[in-house]
Each structure stands twice: as C-alpha cells, then as structure tokens.
Amino acid sequence: MSRYDLTDFEWRVIKPLLPNKPRGVPRVDDRRVLNGIFWVLRSGAPWRDLPEHYGPRTTCYNRFVRWRKAGVWDRMMDAITATHDGHIQMIDSTSIRAHQQAATAKRGGGQIIVSVDHGAGSRPKFMP
C-alpha cells in the first residue's frame, strides 16, 4: 500500500458512491484508478508523473474529468459530510508566490484574469 492509497475502510465508504453503469468494455479497477487520482491530487505532481502501478495516466485523468463533469465528486463529498457527525475541517497548504519581475509590470498593458472556480488549479491568463 502506497502512502496515498485508500485504506480498506475508506474504500468501503467510497465504493457505493461511485457510478456503476456497466456498458461496453468493462472498466478497469475503480480502486486503482481512485488511488492514482488521489496520488496526483495529494502529491501535487502533474498527471504525466503518475506511477505506472496506478495504470495509464490517461485513464486516471479521463475518469477524473468525466466524474467532475457528471458531479460525482460533489455527490461523494456531500454524502461523506452528511454521514460525518462532527465538523469537517480542511486545510489548504498551498502557498502562492509572485515572480520577482511581477512587481515591475507596466501599468495599462493588459488585464489579468484570475480563475476562481472553473479550473482552480490552472494558471491565471493574461489578456492584452
């Protein structure tokens, strides 16, 4: 078991919350794919650095995106928080630093648009 893998207890809680619509080719092991997704999210590494024992990185990435669009992650979080009898506390240890040259940007050269919700992990886009 890897550092970021789900325990048996966590898997028993999460498994019934996953979509289960068997059609076409059988899906690869959900637990292995979830462990791969959680490895990327917890380690902060890019998808291309996903270790091979979690399966193809495209499988993990595609499932993550499909489930995000389908609202699976939201339903999973709602169900977990509803069954928890205490206060949920989450800590974000992200630290943001501006590049040293960011302080010398010319005024009026463009507009910086920061994405808050959609694609929260993406970089801010510069629009001239």
N, C-alpha and C. Protein backbone atom coordinates (compact mmCIF):
# COMPACT_ATOMS: atom_id res chain seq x y z
N MET A 1 0.85 -1.18 0.00
CA MET A 1 0.00 0.00 0.00
C MET A 1 0.89 1.24 0.00
N SER A 2 0.62 2.13 -0.90
CA SER A 2 1.39 3.36 -1.03
C SER A 2 0.90 4.40 -0.02
N ARG A 3 1.68 5.43 0.12
CA ARG A 3 1.38 6.48 1.08
C ARG A 3 0.01 7.13 0.85
N TYR A 4 -0.39 7.28 -0.41
CA TYR A 4 -1.63 7.99 -0.73
C TYR A 4 -2.79 7.06 -1.06
N ASP A 5 -2.61 5.75 -0.92
CA ASP A 5 -3.67 4.80 -1.27
C ASP A 5 -4.79 4.81 -0.24
N LEU A 6 -5.98 4.44 -0.70
CA LEU A 6 -7.14 4.34 0.18
C LEU A 6 -6.99 3.14 1.10
N THR A 7 -7.39 3.31 2.35
CA THR A 7 -7.43 2.16 3.27
C THR A 7 -8.67 1.34 2.94
N ASP A 8 -8.75 0.14 3.51
CA ASP A 8 -9.93 -0.70 3.27
C ASP A 8 -11.20 -0.03 3.79
N PHE A 9 -11.11 0.64 4.93
CA PHE A 9 -12.26 1.34 5.47
C PHE A 9 -12.72 2.47 4.54
N GLU A 10 -11.77 3.27 4.06
CA GLU A 10 -12.11 4.37 3.14
C GLU A 10 -12.74 3.82 1.86
N TRP A 11 -12.20 2.73 1.35
CA TRP A 11 -12.74 2.13 0.13
C TRP A 11 -14.17 1.63 0.35
N ARG A 12 -14.45 1.02 1.52
CA ARG A 12 -15.81 0.54 1.79
C ARG A 12 -16.80 1.69 1.86
N VAL A 13 -16.35 2.86 2.30
CA VAL A 13 -17.23 4.03 2.37
C VAL A 13 -17.46 4.61 0.98
N ILE A 14 -16.43 4.68 0.17
CA ILE A 14 -16.49 5.35 -1.14
C ILE A 14 -17.12 4.47 -2.21
N LYS A 15 -16.90 3.17 -2.18
CA LYS A 15 -17.33 2.28 -3.26
C LYS A 15 -18.81 2.40 -3.62
N PRO A 16 -19.74 2.42 -2.64
CA PRO A 16 -21.16 2.54 -3.02
C PRO A 16 -21.53 3.88 -3.64
N LEU A 17 -20.68 4.89 -3.48
CA LEU A 17 -20.97 6.22 -4.01
C LEU A 17 -20.55 6.38 -5.47
N LEU A 18 -19.82 5.43 -5.99
CA LEU A 18 -19.30 5.54 -7.36
C LEU A 18 -20.36 5.13 -8.38
N PRO A 19 -20.33 5.74 -9.56
CA PRO A 19 -21.28 5.34 -10.61
C PRO A 19 -20.98 3.91 -11.05
N ASN A 20 -22.03 3.15 -11.31
CA ASN A 20 -21.85 1.76 -11.70
C ASN A 20 -22.80 1.44 -12.85
N LYS A 21 -22.44 1.91 -14.02
CA LYS A 21 -23.25 1.66 -15.21
C LYS A 21 -22.43 0.80 -16.17
N PRO A 22 -22.52 -0.51 -16.03
CA PRO A 22 -21.72 -1.36 -16.91
C PRO A 22 -22.25 -1.33 -18.34
N ARG A 23 -21.46 -0.86 -19.23
CA ARG A 23 -21.82 -0.87 -20.65
C ARG A 23 -20.52 -0.97 -21.45
N GLY A 24 -20.57 -1.73 -22.50
CA GLY A 24 -19.39 -1.88 -23.35
C GLY A 24 -18.27 -2.63 -22.64
N VAL A 25 -17.08 -2.12 -22.81
CA VAL A 25 -15.88 -2.74 -22.24
C VAL A 25 -15.88 -2.56 -20.73
N PRO A 26 -15.59 -3.62 -19.97
CA PRO A 26 -15.56 -3.47 -18.51
C PRO A 26 -14.50 -2.44 -18.08
N ARG A 27 -14.85 -1.65 -17.07
CA ARG A 27 -13.92 -0.63 -16.58
C ARG A 27 -12.77 -1.29 -15.84
N VAL A 28 -11.65 -0.57 -15.82
CA VAL A 28 -10.53 -1.04 -15.01
C VAL A 28 -10.88 -0.83 -13.54
N ASP A 29 -10.10 -1.40 -12.67
CA ASP A 29 -10.35 -1.38 -11.24
C ASP A 29 -10.53 0.04 -10.72
N ASP A 30 -11.72 0.34 -10.19
CA ASP A 30 -12.01 1.68 -9.68
C ASP A 30 -11.08 2.08 -8.54
N ARG A 31 -10.76 1.14 -7.69
CA ARG A 31 -9.91 1.48 -6.54
C ARG A 31 -8.52 1.90 -7.00
N ARG A 32 -7.97 1.19 -7.98
CA ARG A 32 -6.65 1.53 -8.50
C ARG A 32 -6.67 2.91 -9.16
N VAL A 33 -7.72 3.18 -9.92
CA VAL A 33 -7.84 4.49 -10.59
C VAL A 33 -8.01 5.60 -9.56
N LEU A 34 -8.85 5.38 -8.55
CA LEU A 34 -9.03 6.38 -7.49
C LEU A 34 -7.72 6.63 -6.74
N ASN A 35 -6.98 5.57 -6.47
CA ASN A 35 -5.68 5.74 -5.81
C ASN A 35 -4.76 6.58 -6.68
N GLY A 36 -4.80 6.38 -7.99
CA GLY A 36 -3.99 7.19 -8.90
C GLY A 36 -4.42 8.65 -8.90
N ILE A 37 -5.73 8.89 -8.92
CA ILE A 37 -6.25 10.26 -8.88
C ILE A 37 -5.85 10.93 -7.58
N PHE A 38 -6.03 10.23 -6.46
CA PHE A 38 -5.67 10.82 -5.16
C PHE A 38 -4.16 11.03 -5.05
N TRP A 39 -3.37 10.16 -5.69
CA TRP A 39 -1.91 10.35 -5.66
C TRP A 39 -1.55 11.68 -6.32
N VAL A 40 -2.14 11.96 -7.47
CA VAL A 40 -1.85 13.21 -8.18
C VAL A 40 -2.33 14.40 -7.36
N LEU A 41 -3.55 14.32 -6.82
CA LEU A 41 -4.11 15.44 -6.07
C LEU A 41 -3.35 15.70 -4.77
N ARG A 42 -2.95 14.66 -4.09
CA ARG A 42 -2.26 14.83 -2.81
C ARG A 42 -0.80 15.20 -2.96
N SER A 43 -0.15 14.67 -3.98
CA SER A 43 1.28 14.95 -4.16
C SER A 43 1.52 16.26 -4.89
N GLY A 44 0.54 16.70 -5.68
CA GLY A 44 0.71 17.93 -6.45
C GLY A 44 1.51 17.71 -7.72
N ALA A 45 1.79 16.48 -8.05
CA ALA A 45 2.57 16.16 -9.25
C ALA A 45 1.69 16.26 -10.49
N PRO A 46 2.28 16.51 -11.65
CA PRO A 46 1.49 16.51 -12.88
C PRO A 46 1.05 15.08 -13.24
N TRP A 47 0.00 14.99 -14.04
CA TRP A 47 -0.53 13.68 -14.43
C TRP A 47 0.53 12.82 -15.10
N ARG A 48 1.44 13.43 -15.83
CA ARG A 48 2.45 12.64 -16.56
C ARG A 48 3.41 11.92 -15.62
N ASP A 49 3.47 12.33 -14.34
CA ASP A 49 4.36 11.69 -13.38
C ASP A 49 3.66 10.61 -12.56
N LEU A 50 2.45 10.25 -12.92
CA LEU A 50 1.71 9.22 -12.20
C LEU A 50 2.46 7.89 -12.29
N PRO A 51 2.75 7.24 -11.15
CA PRO A 51 3.45 5.95 -11.20
C PRO A 51 2.67 4.90 -11.99
N GLU A 52 3.39 4.01 -12.65
CA GLU A 52 2.79 3.02 -13.54
C GLU A 52 1.85 2.06 -12.84
N HIS A 53 2.07 1.78 -11.54
CA HIS A 53 1.24 0.78 -10.87
C HIS A 53 -0.20 1.27 -10.67
N TYR A 54 -0.51 2.54 -10.97
CA TYR A 54 -1.88 3.03 -10.92
C TYR A 54 -2.57 2.88 -12.26
N GLY A 55 -1.88 2.41 -13.25
CA GLY A 55 -2.45 2.23 -14.57
C GLY A 55 -2.10 3.40 -15.47
N PRO A 56 -2.65 3.42 -16.68
CA PRO A 56 -2.36 4.50 -17.61
C PRO A 56 -2.83 5.85 -17.07
N ARG A 57 -2.00 6.85 -17.21
CA ARG A 57 -2.35 8.18 -16.68
C ARG A 57 -3.57 8.75 -17.39
N THR A 58 -3.75 8.40 -18.67
CA THR A 58 -4.92 8.91 -19.40
C THR A 58 -6.21 8.35 -18.81
N THR A 59 -6.19 7.10 -18.34
CA THR A 59 -7.37 6.51 -17.72
C THR A 59 -7.74 7.27 -16.46
N CYS A 60 -6.74 7.52 -15.62
CA CYS A 60 -7.00 8.24 -14.36
C CYS A 60 -7.47 9.66 -14.65
N TYR A 61 -6.81 10.34 -15.57
CA TYR A 61 -7.18 11.72 -15.89
C TYR A 61 -8.58 11.80 -16.49
N ASN A 62 -8.87 10.92 -17.46
CA ASN A 62 -10.18 10.95 -18.11
C ASN A 62 -11.30 10.65 -17.13
N ARG A 63 -11.08 9.69 -16.22
CA ARG A 63 -12.11 9.38 -15.24
C ARG A 63 -12.31 10.55 -14.29
N PHE A 64 -11.22 11.20 -13.88
CA PHE A 64 -11.31 12.37 -13.01
C PHE A 64 -12.15 13.46 -13.66
N VAL A 65 -11.89 13.75 -14.93
CA VAL A 65 -12.60 14.81 -15.65
C VAL A 65 -14.06 14.43 -15.88
N ARG A 66 -14.30 13.20 -16.31
CA ARG A 66 -15.69 12.76 -16.55
C ARG A 66 -16.52 12.82 -15.28
N TRP A 67 -15.95 12.36 -14.18
CA TRP A 67 -16.68 12.38 -12.92
C TRP A 67 -16.87 13.80 -12.41
N ARG A 68 -15.94 14.69 -12.71
CA ARG A 68 -16.12 16.09 -12.31
C ARG A 68 -17.29 16.70 -13.08
N LYS A 69 -17.35 16.45 -14.37
CA LYS A 69 -18.44 16.99 -15.19
C LYS A 69 -19.79 16.39 -14.81
N ALA A 70 -19.79 15.13 -14.39
CA ALA A 70 -21.03 14.45 -14.02
C ALA A 70 -21.45 14.74 -12.58
N GLY A 71 -20.63 15.43 -11.82
CA GLY A 71 -20.97 15.77 -10.44
C GLY A 71 -20.72 14.66 -9.44
N VAL A 72 -19.97 13.64 -9.83
CA VAL A 72 -19.70 12.52 -8.93
C VAL A 72 -18.93 12.97 -7.70
N TRP A 73 -17.92 13.83 -7.90
CA TRP A 73 -17.10 14.29 -6.77
C TRP A 73 -17.94 15.10 -5.79
N ASP A 74 -18.85 15.92 -6.31
CA ASP A 74 -19.72 16.72 -5.43
C ASP A 74 -20.65 15.82 -4.62
N ARG A 75 -21.24 14.82 -5.28
CA ARG A 75 -22.15 13.91 -4.57
C ARG A 75 -21.39 13.09 -3.54
N MET A 76 -20.17 12.69 -3.89
CA MET A 76 -19.36 11.92 -2.95
C MET A 76 -19.03 12.76 -1.71
N MET A 77 -18.65 14.01 -1.91
CA MET A 77 -18.32 14.88 -0.79
C MET A 77 -19.55 15.18 0.06
N ASP A 78 -20.70 15.39 -0.59
CA ASP A 78 -21.95 15.64 0.15
C ASP A 78 -22.32 14.44 1.01
N ALA A 79 -22.19 13.23 0.45
CA ALA A 79 -22.54 12.03 1.20
C ALA A 79 -21.59 11.80 2.38
N ILE A 80 -20.32 12.06 2.17
CA ILE A 80 -19.34 11.86 3.25
C ILE A 80 -19.56 12.87 4.36
N THR A 81 -19.81 14.13 4.00
CA THR A 81 -20.02 15.15 5.03
C THR A 81 -21.36 14.94 5.75
N ALA A 82 -22.36 14.40 5.06
CA ALA A 82 -23.66 14.17 5.70
C ALA A 82 -23.57 13.06 6.75
N THR A 83 -22.71 12.09 6.54
CA THR A 83 -22.60 10.98 7.49
C THR A 83 -21.62 11.29 8.63
N HIS A 84 -20.83 12.31 8.47
CA HIS A 84 -19.86 12.68 9.50
C HIS A 84 -20.56 13.48 10.58
N ASP A 85 -20.41 13.08 11.83
CA ASP A 85 -21.14 13.73 12.91
C ASP A 85 -20.36 14.87 13.57
N GLY A 86 -19.27 15.26 13.01
CA GLY A 86 -18.50 16.38 13.57
C GLY A 86 -18.36 17.47 12.53
N HIS A 87 -17.53 18.40 12.82
CA HIS A 87 -17.26 19.48 11.87
C HIS A 87 -16.18 19.04 10.90
N ILE A 88 -16.40 19.26 9.63
CA ILE A 88 -15.39 18.97 8.64
C ILE A 88 -14.41 20.12 8.62
N GLN A 89 -13.15 19.81 8.71
CA GLN A 89 -12.11 20.84 8.65
C GLN A 89 -11.15 20.48 7.53
N MET A 90 -10.91 21.41 6.66
CA MET A 90 -9.97 21.20 5.56
C MET A 90 -8.93 22.29 5.61
N ILE A 91 -7.70 21.89 5.39
CA ILE A 91 -6.59 22.83 5.41
C ILE A 91 -5.92 22.80 4.05
N ASP A 92 -5.76 23.97 3.47
CA ASP A 92 -5.06 24.08 2.20
C ASP A 92 -3.67 24.62 2.49
N SER A 93 -2.67 23.84 2.15
CA SER A 93 -1.31 24.26 2.45
C SER A 93 -0.63 24.89 1.24
N THR A 94 -1.43 25.34 0.28
CA THR A 94 -0.88 25.96 -0.91
C THR A 94 -0.25 27.29 -0.56
N SER A 95 0.90 27.55 -1.11
CA SER A 95 1.49 28.88 -0.94
C SER A 95 1.70 29.46 -2.32
N ILE A 96 1.36 30.72 -2.48
CA ILE A 96 1.45 31.38 -3.77
C ILE A 96 2.49 32.47 -3.68
N ARG A 97 3.41 32.47 -4.63
CA ARG A 97 4.44 33.49 -4.66
C ARG A 97 4.46 34.12 -6.05
N ALA A 98 4.64 35.40 -6.09
CA ALA A 98 4.76 36.09 -7.37
C ALA A 98 6.23 36.05 -7.79
N HIS A 99 6.45 35.97 -9.08
CA HIS A 99 7.81 36.02 -9.60
C HIS A 99 8.40 37.39 -9.29
N GLN A 100 9.71 37.46 -9.12
CA GLN A 100 10.34 38.72 -8.74
C GLN A 100 10.08 39.83 -9.76
N GLN A 101 9.87 39.48 -11.01
CA GLN A 101 9.64 40.50 -12.03
C GLN A 101 8.16 40.92 -12.08
N ALA A 102 7.29 40.26 -11.33
CA ALA A 102 5.87 40.61 -11.34
C ALA A 102 5.63 41.98 -10.73
N ALA A 103 6.52 42.44 -9.88
CA ALA A 103 6.35 43.75 -9.23
C ALA A 103 6.66 44.89 -10.18
N THR A 104 7.34 44.63 -11.28
CA THR A 104 7.73 45.70 -12.19
C THR A 104 6.90 45.71 -13.47
N ALA A 105 5.71 45.13 -13.43
CA ALA A 105 4.85 45.10 -14.62
C ALA A 105 4.42 46.51 -15.00
N LYS A 106 4.35 46.76 -16.33
CA LYS A 106 3.92 48.08 -16.81
C LYS A 106 2.42 48.24 -16.59
N ARG A 107 2.02 49.45 -16.24
CA ARG A 107 0.61 49.72 -16.00
C ARG A 107 -0.12 49.90 -17.33
N GLY A 108 -1.38 49.45 -17.35
CA GLY A 108 -2.22 49.66 -18.52
C GLY A 108 -1.87 48.75 -19.69
N GLY A 109 -1.00 47.79 -19.49
CA GLY A 109 -0.59 46.92 -20.59
C GLY A 109 -1.55 45.78 -20.84
N GLY A 110 -2.46 45.54 -19.97
CA GLY A 110 -3.38 44.43 -20.16
C GLY A 110 -4.18 44.19 -18.90
N GLN A 111 -4.97 43.18 -18.94
CA GLN A 111 -5.85 42.86 -17.83
C GLN A 111 -5.56 41.43 -17.40
N ILE A 112 -5.34 41.21 -16.11
CA ILE A 112 -5.09 39.87 -15.60
C ILE A 112 -6.41 39.30 -15.12
N ILE A 113 -6.75 38.12 -15.62
CA ILE A 113 -7.99 37.46 -15.25
C ILE A 113 -7.62 36.23 -14.42
N VAL A 114 -8.13 36.16 -13.20
CA VAL A 114 -7.83 35.05 -12.33
C VAL A 114 -9.04 34.13 -12.27
N SER A 115 -8.82 32.85 -12.53
CA SER A 115 -9.89 31.86 -12.47
C SER A 115 -10.08 31.43 -11.03
N VAL A 116 -11.30 31.56 -10.53
CA VAL A 116 -11.55 31.21 -9.14
C VAL A 116 -12.19 29.83 -9.02
N ASP A 117 -13.14 29.52 -9.90
CA ASP A 117 -13.89 28.29 -9.73
C ASP A 117 -13.54 27.25 -10.79
N HIS A 118 -13.74 27.57 -12.04
CA HIS A 118 -13.53 26.61 -13.12
C HIS A 118 -12.04 26.46 -13.37
N GLY A 119 -11.53 25.28 -13.13
CA GLY A 119 -10.11 25.05 -13.33
C GLY A 119 -9.29 25.71 -12.25
N ALA A 120 -9.63 25.46 -11.01
CA ALA A 120 -8.98 26.13 -9.89
C ALA A 120 -7.49 25.88 -9.86
N GLY A 121 -7.02 24.83 -10.50
CA GLY A 121 -5.60 24.54 -10.49
C GLY A 121 -4.86 25.14 -11.67
N SER A 122 -5.56 25.87 -12.56
CA SER A 122 -4.89 26.41 -13.74
C SER A 122 -4.25 27.76 -13.43
N ARG A 123 -3.34 28.14 -14.29
CA ARG A 123 -2.64 29.41 -14.13
C ARG A 123 -3.53 30.57 -14.56
N PRO A 124 -3.32 31.75 -13.97
CA PRO A 124 -4.06 32.92 -14.43
C PRO A 124 -3.71 33.23 -15.88
N LYS A 125 -4.68 33.73 -16.62
CA LYS A 125 -4.48 34.01 -18.04
C LYS A 125 -4.32 35.52 -18.22
N PHE A 126 -3.40 35.90 -19.08
CA PHE A 126 -3.15 37.32 -19.36
C PHE A 126 -3.85 37.68 -20.66
N MET A 127 -4.71 38.69 -20.62
CA MET A 127 -5.46 39.12 -21.80
C MET A 127 -5.01 40.53 -22.16
N PRO A 128 -4.34 40.73 -23.31
CA PRO A 128 -3.91 42.09 -23.69
C PRO A 128 -5.07 42.97 -24.10
